[in-house]
Amino acid sequence: MEDEIEWRESSVGIYSGGRTYPFTTPLDLLRFRPLSIRARLRMGLVTLLIQRRYRAAEPFEHVSARDWVTRTMGREVWEKVWGPLLRDKFGRYADDIAMAWLWSKLTVRRQIKGKEARRELLGYPRHSWETLFSRLRDRIEVAGGRVMIDRPAVRISAAPDGAGLDVLPGAPESFRRGHDPGSFEADDDAERYDGVIATVPSDTFLNLLDPALGNAFEGDYLERVRGGCYQTAICLLLELDRQFGRFYWTNIADLEMPFIGLIEHTNFVEPERYGGRRFLYVANYVEPEDPRLAMDADELFALYEPGLRRINPEFSRDWVLARWLHREAAAQPVITTGYVDRIPSLETGVPGLVLANTTQIYPEDRGTNYSVRLGDQAAAALEASLARVRTPIGTS
């Protein structure tokens, strides 16, 4: 699919102090007026030091971003930039987020050399992600596999004869009932597999396990899985009749705003690609009990509208042609200090059973690149697990 990925220049802004500033290049930082000149210079120099000196996350794994930023960049930088951004994203966990997580954000997109390092380029599929999904399905089926859409698992259990794992499928439309497999209706009989890679959220994985299979785990593995927690994503997608702002991605560093980010997709991919239509994502991360999760699209838009108008005073609800609301309970893993010591391994200890989800993408947490990498690692883990099952005791 070499011709499917096109590299496009991104634009990033940050809303702070009542206005939106560009926030992509070092020059943008120097022009960021909410910080004093001294704080801007200090933040820039420390960021450059991180990018050039630290090639791994180990020095940052047991220190919080708050402590490290305050000590090295200064309290002003924490209070005006990173503090608001992390509180928006992680809520009550913000002060304990590991610096390793922030290190990955500051370095992973700055590994390009030469003139390209002065701008941010992002890869995007020319004909949408659906093209990739279709190609994956075709390759799997050509190799003799099956792709079963809308068939979520209800239960995983050990085969009665000890040879493999039984997976009980759910009836069509089961996924619309949420993440709890206990609410799904079973469809047909369980199917036998040599191995299973579970790519579901941690709580879903725990609920999938047959009680007898759950007792087969050794040590503290299941406690590690239970220890993972997530922030819930709420995404209100608006179709607009005109451009809202000038940036593709705007981070909101203002705790009084009711949302944390604006992603104007058609500032990244031209509206002509979509028949002239324009789209703006209004993003939020909240805790599972947040009352905003109970709102519908109209109620949430009413809550967000004053904030949208603060960013663009000309904005009017008349601009909105359509709106859609999406929620994802297991969207953002919460990576606190010492997280590296608590990550469950891909191999569960149960022969042929592998867990691979975003809580194990570390120190990153989400993203297509890292999911592809995790998929390779999960496949290798399953092969290793099955190889041990097939190797008689006493042989090598």
Protein backbone atom coordinates (compact mmCIF):
# COMPACT_ATOMS: atom_id res chain seq x y z
CA MET A 1 0.00 0.00 0.00
CA GLU A 2 2.96 2.30 -0.69
CA ASP A 3 0.80 4.79 -2.57
CA GLU A 4 -1.87 5.00 0.13
CA ILE A 5 0.02 6.99 2.77
CA GLU A 6 0.44 10.68 2.14
CA TRP A 7 2.48 12.92 4.41
CA ARG A 8 0.76 16.12 5.37
CA GLU A 9 1.91 19.10 7.37
CA SER A 10 0.14 19.48 10.68
CA SER A 11 -0.63 22.70 12.53
CA VAL A 12 -0.99 22.86 16.31
CA GLY A 13 -2.35 25.65 18.48
CA ILE A 14 -2.88 26.16 22.18
CA TYR A 15 -5.68 28.22 23.71
CA SER A 16 -4.55 30.10 26.81
CA GLY A 17 -5.29 33.45 28.35
CA GLY A 18 -8.23 34.17 26.09
CA ARG A 19 -6.59 33.59 22.70
CA THR A 20 -5.16 30.83 20.54
CA TYR A 21 -1.43 30.72 19.80
CA PRO A 22 0.47 28.59 17.26
CA PHE A 23 2.44 25.93 19.14
CA THR A 24 4.41 23.78 16.70
CA THR A 25 7.92 25.27 16.32
CA PRO A 26 10.53 26.68 18.72
CA LEU A 27 9.73 30.15 17.34
CA ASP A 28 6.07 29.62 18.31
CA LEU A 29 7.18 28.96 21.89
CA LEU A 30 9.19 32.17 21.96
CA ARG A 31 6.05 34.06 20.91
CA PHE A 32 3.80 32.40 23.50
CA ARG A 33 2.82 35.44 25.58
CA PRO A 34 1.06 33.68 28.51
CA LEU A 35 4.59 32.77 29.67
CA SER A 36 7.25 35.28 30.64
CA ILE A 37 10.30 35.51 28.36
CA ARG A 38 12.39 33.76 31.00
CA ALA A 39 9.89 30.88 31.27
CA ARG A 40 9.67 30.51 27.48
CA LEU A 41 13.44 30.27 27.16
CA ARG A 42 13.69 27.84 30.05
CA MET A 43 10.93 25.60 28.68
CA GLY A 44 12.52 25.59 25.23
CA LEU A 45 16.01 24.77 26.49
CA VAL A 46 14.80 21.95 28.74
CA THR A 47 12.67 20.49 25.94
CA LEU A 48 15.69 20.56 23.62
CA LEU A 49 17.76 18.87 26.33
CA ILE A 50 15.17 16.10 26.68
CA GLN A 51 15.06 15.51 22.94
CA ARG A 52 18.82 15.38 22.50
CA ARG A 53 20.05 13.72 25.67
CA TYR A 54 17.40 11.21 26.73
CA ARG A 55 16.82 8.33 24.29
CA ALA A 56 14.85 6.14 26.70
CA ALA A 57 12.18 6.61 29.34
CA GLU A 58 14.01 4.98 32.26
CA PRO A 59 15.15 8.21 33.99
CA PHE A 60 11.54 9.43 34.08
CA GLU A 61 9.62 6.33 35.15
CA HIS A 62 9.44 6.94 38.90
CA VAL A 63 9.07 10.71 38.97
CA SER A 64 5.89 12.65 38.28
CA ALA A 65 5.64 15.08 35.40
CA ARG A 66 4.58 17.75 37.88
CA ASP A 67 7.70 17.37 40.04
CA TRP A 68 10.09 17.11 37.09
CA VAL A 69 8.60 20.01 35.11
CA THR A 70 8.40 22.25 38.18
CA ARG A 71 12.02 21.51 39.05
CA THR A 72 13.49 21.91 35.56
CA MET A 73 11.14 24.16 33.56
CA GLY A 74 9.77 26.11 36.49
CA ARG A 75 6.46 26.49 38.30
CA GLU A 76 5.18 29.02 35.78
CA VAL A 77 5.47 26.51 32.93
CA TRP A 78 3.63 23.90 34.97
CA GLU A 79 0.84 26.29 35.96
CA LYS A 80 0.35 27.83 32.50
CA VAL A 81 1.02 24.89 30.15
CA TRP A 82 1.53 21.33 31.36
CA GLY A 83 -0.58 21.50 34.50
CA PRO A 84 -3.79 22.57 32.72
CA LEU A 85 -3.19 20.14 29.84
CA LEU A 86 -2.63 17.16 32.14
CA ARG A 87 -5.55 18.08 34.41
CA ASP A 88 -7.79 18.28 31.36
CA LYS A 89 -6.64 14.87 30.17
CA PHE A 90 -6.24 12.96 33.42
CA GLY A 91 -8.43 14.75 35.95
CA ARG A 92 -7.61 13.80 39.55
CA TYR A 93 -4.61 11.74 38.41
CA ALA A 94 -2.84 14.71 36.80
CA ASP A 95 -0.32 15.39 39.58
CA ASP A 96 0.84 11.76 39.59
CA ILE A 97 1.26 11.19 35.83
CA ALA A 98 4.69 9.75 35.16
CA MET A 99 7.21 12.00 33.45
CA ALA A 100 7.90 9.02 31.18
CA TRP A 101 4.54 9.67 29.51
CA LEU A 102 5.35 13.33 28.89
CA TRP A 103 8.86 12.42 27.73
CA SER A 104 7.36 10.29 24.97
CA LYS A 105 5.15 13.19 23.85
CA LEU A 106 8.08 15.58 23.72
CA THR A 107 10.41 13.26 21.82
CA VAL A 108 8.50 10.87 19.56
CA ARG A 109 7.54 13.52 16.99
CA ARG A 110 10.89 15.23 17.09
CA GLN A 111 13.12 12.46 15.75
CA ILE A 112 13.17 13.82 12.19
CA LYS A 113 16.42 15.48 11.11
CA GLY A 114 17.23 18.32 8.73
CA LYS A 115 14.81 20.89 7.38
CA GLU A 116 11.84 18.55 7.97
CA ALA A 117 12.42 18.93 11.71
CA ARG A 118 11.07 22.50 11.50
CA ARG A 119 7.56 21.26 10.85
CA GLU A 120 5.36 18.37 11.89
CA LEU A 121 4.40 15.84 9.21
CA LEU A 122 1.71 13.24 9.85
CA GLY A 123 0.94 10.20 7.70
CA TYR A 124 -2.66 9.74 6.59
CA PRO A 125 -4.34 7.12 4.36
CA ARG A 126 -5.29 8.68 1.04
CA HIS A 127 -8.59 6.78 0.86
CA SER A 128 -9.35 6.59 4.62
CA TRP A 129 -8.70 3.86 7.14
CA GLU A 130 -11.37 1.70 5.56
CA THR A 131 -8.88 0.91 2.78
CA LEU A 132 -6.46 -0.53 5.32
CA PHE A 133 -9.17 -2.55 7.05
CA SER A 134 -10.35 -4.00 3.74
CA ARG A 135 -6.82 -4.94 2.72
CA LEU A 136 -6.19 -6.64 6.06
CA ARG A 137 -9.42 -8.61 5.74
CA ASP A 138 -8.52 -9.71 2.21
CA ARG A 139 -5.03 -10.87 3.22
CA ILE A 140 -6.39 -12.82 6.17
CA GLU A 141 -9.02 -14.56 4.07
CA VAL A 142 -6.54 -15.39 1.28
CA ALA A 143 -4.35 -17.04 3.93
CA GLY A 144 -7.29 -19.21 5.04
CA GLY A 145 -8.51 -17.16 7.98
CA ARG A 146 -11.95 -15.82 8.79
CA VAL A 147 -12.94 -12.25 9.67
CA MET A 148 -16.17 -12.20 11.65
CA ILE A 149 -17.63 -8.69 11.93
CA ASP A 150 -20.09 -7.94 14.72
CA ARG A 151 -19.34 -11.16 16.61
CA PRO A 152 -17.87 -10.06 19.96
CA ALA A 153 -16.76 -12.76 22.35
CA VAL A 154 -18.98 -13.65 25.31
CA ARG A 155 -16.64 -15.99 27.15
CA ILE A 156 -13.20 -17.61 26.96
CA SER A 157 -12.76 -20.94 28.71
CA ALA A 158 -10.22 -23.74 28.84
CA ALA A 159 -11.07 -26.68 26.59
CA PRO A 160 -12.34 -29.64 28.66
CA ASP A 161 -9.56 -31.87 27.35
CA GLY A 162 -6.92 -29.22 28.06
CA ALA A 163 -6.07 -28.81 24.37
CA GLY A 164 -6.69 -25.17 23.49
CA LEU A 165 -9.24 -22.54 24.39
CA ASP A 166 -12.97 -22.31 23.71
CA VAL A 167 -14.40 -18.96 22.61
CA LEU A 168 -18.17 -18.43 22.83
CA PRO A 169 -19.33 -15.83 20.27
CA GLY A 170 -21.98 -13.19 20.86
CA ALA A 171 -25.05 -12.57 18.74
CA PRO A 172 -24.99 -9.78 16.13
CA GLU A 173 -25.40 -6.26 17.57
CA SER A 174 -24.08 -7.38 20.96
CA PHE A 175 -21.33 -4.76 20.89
CA ARG A 176 -23.97 -2.02 21.10
CA ARG A 177 -24.65 -3.07 24.70
CA GLY A 178 -21.28 -1.81 25.87
CA HIS A 179 -18.05 -3.43 27.02
CA ASP A 180 -19.45 -5.99 29.47
CA PRO A 181 -19.62 -9.44 27.80
CA GLY A 182 -22.04 -10.48 30.54
CA SER A 183 -24.71 -8.39 28.82
CA PHE A 184 -24.23 -10.12 25.44
CA GLU A 185 -26.43 -12.87 24.09
CA ALA A 186 -24.57 -16.02 23.07
CA ASP A 187 -24.86 -17.11 19.46
CA ASP A 188 -24.08 -20.68 18.37
CA ASP A 189 -21.64 -22.93 20.19
CA ALA A 190 -18.16 -22.20 21.44
CA GLU A 191 -15.34 -22.60 18.93
CA ARG A 192 -12.01 -24.27 19.71
CA TYR A 193 -8.72 -22.46 19.11
CA ASP A 194 -5.09 -23.32 19.79
CA GLY A 195 -4.47 -19.77 20.93
CA VAL A 196 -6.24 -16.49 21.57
CA ILE A 197 -4.99 -12.90 21.46
CA ALA A 198 -7.41 -10.70 23.40
CA THR A 199 -7.20 -7.07 22.25
CA VAL A 200 -10.02 -5.82 24.45
CA PRO A 201 -9.81 -3.34 27.37
CA SER A 202 -8.59 -4.75 30.67
CA ASP A 203 -11.98 -4.83 32.41
CA THR A 204 -13.55 -6.54 29.38
CA PHE A 205 -10.79 -9.16 29.44
CA LEU A 206 -11.49 -9.94 33.09
CA ASN A 207 -15.20 -10.29 32.37
CA LEU A 208 -14.52 -12.64 29.45
CA LEU A 209 -12.79 -15.24 31.59
CA ASP A 210 -14.70 -18.33 32.59
CA PRO A 211 -14.34 -18.75 36.41
CA ALA A 212 -12.35 -21.95 36.00
CA LEU A 213 -10.01 -20.26 33.53
CA GLY A 214 -9.66 -17.28 35.86
CA ASN A 215 -8.34 -19.64 38.53
CA ALA A 216 -5.63 -20.86 36.16
CA PHE A 217 -3.64 -17.62 36.31
CA GLU A 218 -0.57 -17.66 38.50
CA GLY A 219 0.97 -14.97 40.66
CA ASP A 220 -0.37 -11.43 40.53
CA TYR A 221 -1.16 -11.32 36.83
CA LEU A 222 -4.88 -10.63 37.19
CA GLU A 223 -4.18 -8.03 39.88
CA ARG A 224 -1.95 -6.22 37.39
CA VAL A 225 -4.75 -6.29 34.83
CA ARG A 226 -7.23 -4.98 37.42
CA GLY A 227 -4.80 -2.22 38.32
CA GLY A 228 -5.12 -0.56 34.93
CA CYS A 229 -7.60 2.30 34.63
CA TYR A 230 -8.76 4.54 31.83
CA GLN A 231 -10.19 7.97 31.19
CA THR A 232 -13.34 7.95 29.04
CA ALA A 233 -13.36 9.83 25.74
CA ILE A 234 -16.32 11.90 24.59
CA CYS A 235 -16.10 13.17 21.04
CA LEU A 236 -18.69 15.52 19.58
CA LEU A 237 -18.27 15.68 15.81
CA LEU A 238 -19.69 18.76 14.12
CA GLU A 239 -20.22 19.27 10.41
CA LEU A 240 -19.84 23.00 9.73
CA ASP A 241 -20.72 25.14 6.75
CA ARG A 242 -17.47 27.13 7.08
CA GLN A 243 -14.02 27.04 8.65
CA PHE A 244 -13.96 27.40 12.46
CA GLY A 245 -10.29 28.17 13.11
CA ARG A 246 -6.89 28.08 11.45
CA PHE A 247 -5.29 25.09 13.18
CA TYR A 248 -5.69 21.36 12.70
CA TRP A 249 -5.21 20.57 16.40
CA THR A 250 -5.89 23.01 19.23
CA ASN A 251 -5.08 22.08 22.83
CA ILE A 252 -7.08 23.90 25.50
CA ALA A 253 -4.94 25.09 28.44
CA ASP A 254 -7.85 26.70 30.26
CA LEU A 255 -9.54 24.78 33.07
CA GLU A 256 -12.72 26.86 32.78
CA MET A 257 -13.43 25.49 29.31
CA PRO A 258 -15.85 22.53 29.11
CA PHE A 259 -13.71 20.59 26.57
CA ILE A 260 -10.00 19.94 26.17
CA GLY A 261 -9.30 19.96 22.46
CA LEU A 262 -10.50 20.95 19.00
CA ILE A 263 -9.46 18.90 15.99
CA GLU A 264 -10.53 20.54 12.75
CA HIS A 265 -9.92 17.68 10.38
CA THR A 266 -10.53 19.72 7.25
CA ASN A 267 -7.65 22.01 8.19
CA PHE A 268 -5.47 18.91 7.73
CA VAL A 269 -7.18 17.21 4.78
CA GLU A 270 -8.84 19.68 2.42
CA PRO A 271 -12.67 19.84 2.38
CA GLU A 272 -12.66 18.98 -1.32
CA ARG A 273 -11.71 15.43 -0.34
CA TYR A 274 -15.12 15.25 1.37
CA GLY A 275 -17.26 16.92 -1.25
CA GLY A 276 -16.72 20.37 0.26
CA ARG A 277 -17.90 19.34 3.74
CA ARG A 278 -16.04 20.57 6.85
CA PHE A 279 -15.63 18.69 10.13
CA LEU A 280 -14.65 19.72 13.65
CA TYR A 281 -14.11 17.28 16.51
CA VAL A 282 -14.71 18.67 20.01
CA ALA A 283 -12.75 16.34 22.29
CA ASN A 284 -12.95 15.53 25.97
CA TYR A 285 -11.53 13.04 28.46
CA VAL A 286 -13.55 12.48 31.62
CA GLU A 287 -13.74 10.05 34.51
CA PRO A 288 -16.26 7.18 34.22
CA GLU A 289 -18.78 8.82 36.57
CA ASP A 290 -18.75 12.24 34.84
CA PRO A 291 -22.30 13.58 34.25
CA ARG A 292 -21.40 14.61 30.69
CA LEU A 293 -21.47 10.95 29.73
CA ALA A 294 -25.23 10.92 30.24
CA MET A 295 -25.80 13.83 27.85
CA ASP A 296 -26.95 13.43 24.26
CA ALA A 297 -25.41 15.34 21.34
CA ASP A 298 -27.78 18.31 21.67
CA GLU A 299 -27.22 18.68 25.42
CA LEU A 300 -23.45 18.42 25.05
CA PHE A 301 -23.41 20.96 22.22
CA ALA A 302 -25.40 23.38 24.40
CA LEU A 303 -22.78 22.95 27.13
CA TYR A 304 -19.90 23.46 24.68
CA GLU A 305 -21.35 26.35 22.68
CA PRO A 306 -20.20 29.18 25.00
CA GLY A 307 -16.66 27.77 24.97
CA LEU A 308 -16.63 27.51 21.20
CA ARG A 309 -17.73 31.14 21.03
CA ARG A 310 -14.94 32.18 23.40
CA ILE A 311 -12.42 30.72 20.98
CA ASN A 312 -14.15 32.12 17.91
CA PRO A 313 -16.54 34.98 18.84
CA GLU A 314 -18.16 34.80 15.40
CA PHE A 315 -19.24 31.20 15.89
CA SER A 316 -22.96 30.54 15.74
CA ARG A 317 -25.02 27.37 16.03
CA ASP A 318 -26.28 28.25 12.55
CA TRP A 319 -22.87 27.09 11.27
CA VAL A 320 -23.63 23.52 12.41
CA LEU A 321 -25.17 21.34 9.71
CA ALA A 322 -25.07 18.06 11.65
CA ARG A 323 -23.66 16.61 14.85
CA TRP A 324 -22.70 13.12 16.06
CA LEU A 325 -21.67 11.96 19.52
CA HIS A 326 -19.20 9.15 20.23
CA ARG A 327 -18.08 7.74 23.58
CA GLU A 328 -15.31 5.27 24.39
CA ALA A 329 -14.93 4.04 27.95
CA ALA A 330 -11.41 2.62 27.58
CA ALA A 331 -9.86 5.47 25.64
CA GLN A 332 -6.93 6.84 27.63
CA PRO A 333 -4.83 4.64 29.94
CA VAL A 334 -3.76 6.45 33.09
CA ILE A 335 0.03 6.18 33.37
CA THR A 336 1.12 7.20 36.85
CA THR A 337 4.55 7.07 38.45
CA GLY A 338 6.01 3.58 38.63
CA TYR A 339 3.59 2.35 35.98
CA VAL A 340 6.39 0.38 34.33
CA ASP A 341 6.50 -1.91 37.38
CA ARG A 342 2.79 -2.70 37.16
CA ILE A 343 2.24 -3.43 33.45
CA PRO A 344 0.85 -6.92 32.80
CA SER A 345 2.95 -8.86 30.32
CA LEU A 346 1.56 -9.89 26.94
CA GLU A 347 1.87 -13.55 27.87
CA THR A 348 -0.67 -14.23 30.58
CA GLY A 349 0.86 -17.46 31.87
CA VAL A 350 -2.13 -19.43 30.57
CA PRO A 351 -0.88 -21.51 27.60
CA GLY A 352 -2.04 -20.00 24.33
CA LEU A 353 -3.65 -16.89 25.85
CA VAL A 354 -2.19 -13.43 25.16
CA LEU A 355 -3.49 -10.02 26.24
CA ALA A 356 -2.60 -6.99 24.10
CA ASN A 357 -4.26 -3.62 24.73
CA THR A 358 -3.36 0.03 25.13
CA THR A 359 -2.35 -0.34 28.79
CA GLN A 360 0.70 -2.24 27.49
CA ILE A 361 1.82 0.38 24.97
CA TYR A 362 4.45 2.08 27.10
CA PRO A 363 5.60 4.78 27.53
CA GLU A 364 3.27 5.74 24.69
CA ASP A 365 -0.40 4.98 25.23
CA ARG A 366 -2.33 5.10 21.97
CA GLY A 367 -1.81 5.51 18.25
CA THR A 368 -1.83 3.46 15.09
CA ASN A 369 1.97 3.18 14.96
CA TYR A 370 2.13 1.70 18.42
CA SER A 371 -0.85 -0.60 17.86
CA VAL A 372 0.91 -2.09 14.83
CA ARG A 373 4.04 -2.58 16.91
CA LEU A 374 2.00 -4.17 19.71
CA GLY A 375 0.36 -6.49 17.18
CA ASP A 376 3.76 -7.78 16.08
CA GLN A 377 4.77 -8.28 19.70
CA ALA A 378 1.51 -10.08 20.52
CA ALA A 379 1.91 -12.45 17.57
CA ALA A 380 5.46 -13.27 18.70
CA ALA A 381 4.23 -13.82 22.27
CA LEU A 382 1.55 -16.23 21.08
CA GLU A 383 4.01 -18.18 18.95
CA ALA A 384 6.34 -18.48 21.92
CA SER A 385 3.52 -19.64 24.20
CA LEU A 386 2.31 -22.25 21.73
CA ALA A 387 5.85 -23.47 21.12
CA ARG A 388 6.24 -24.23 24.83
CA VAL A 389 2.97 -26.14 24.84
CA ARG A 390 4.12 -28.28 21.92
CA THR A 391 7.59 -28.97 23.34
CA PRO A 392 7.63 -32.10 25.52
CA ILE A 393 9.09 -31.71 28.99
CA GLY A 394 12.79 -32.58 29.04
CA THR A 395 13.48 -31.54 25.45
CA SER A 396 14.86 -28.34 23.98
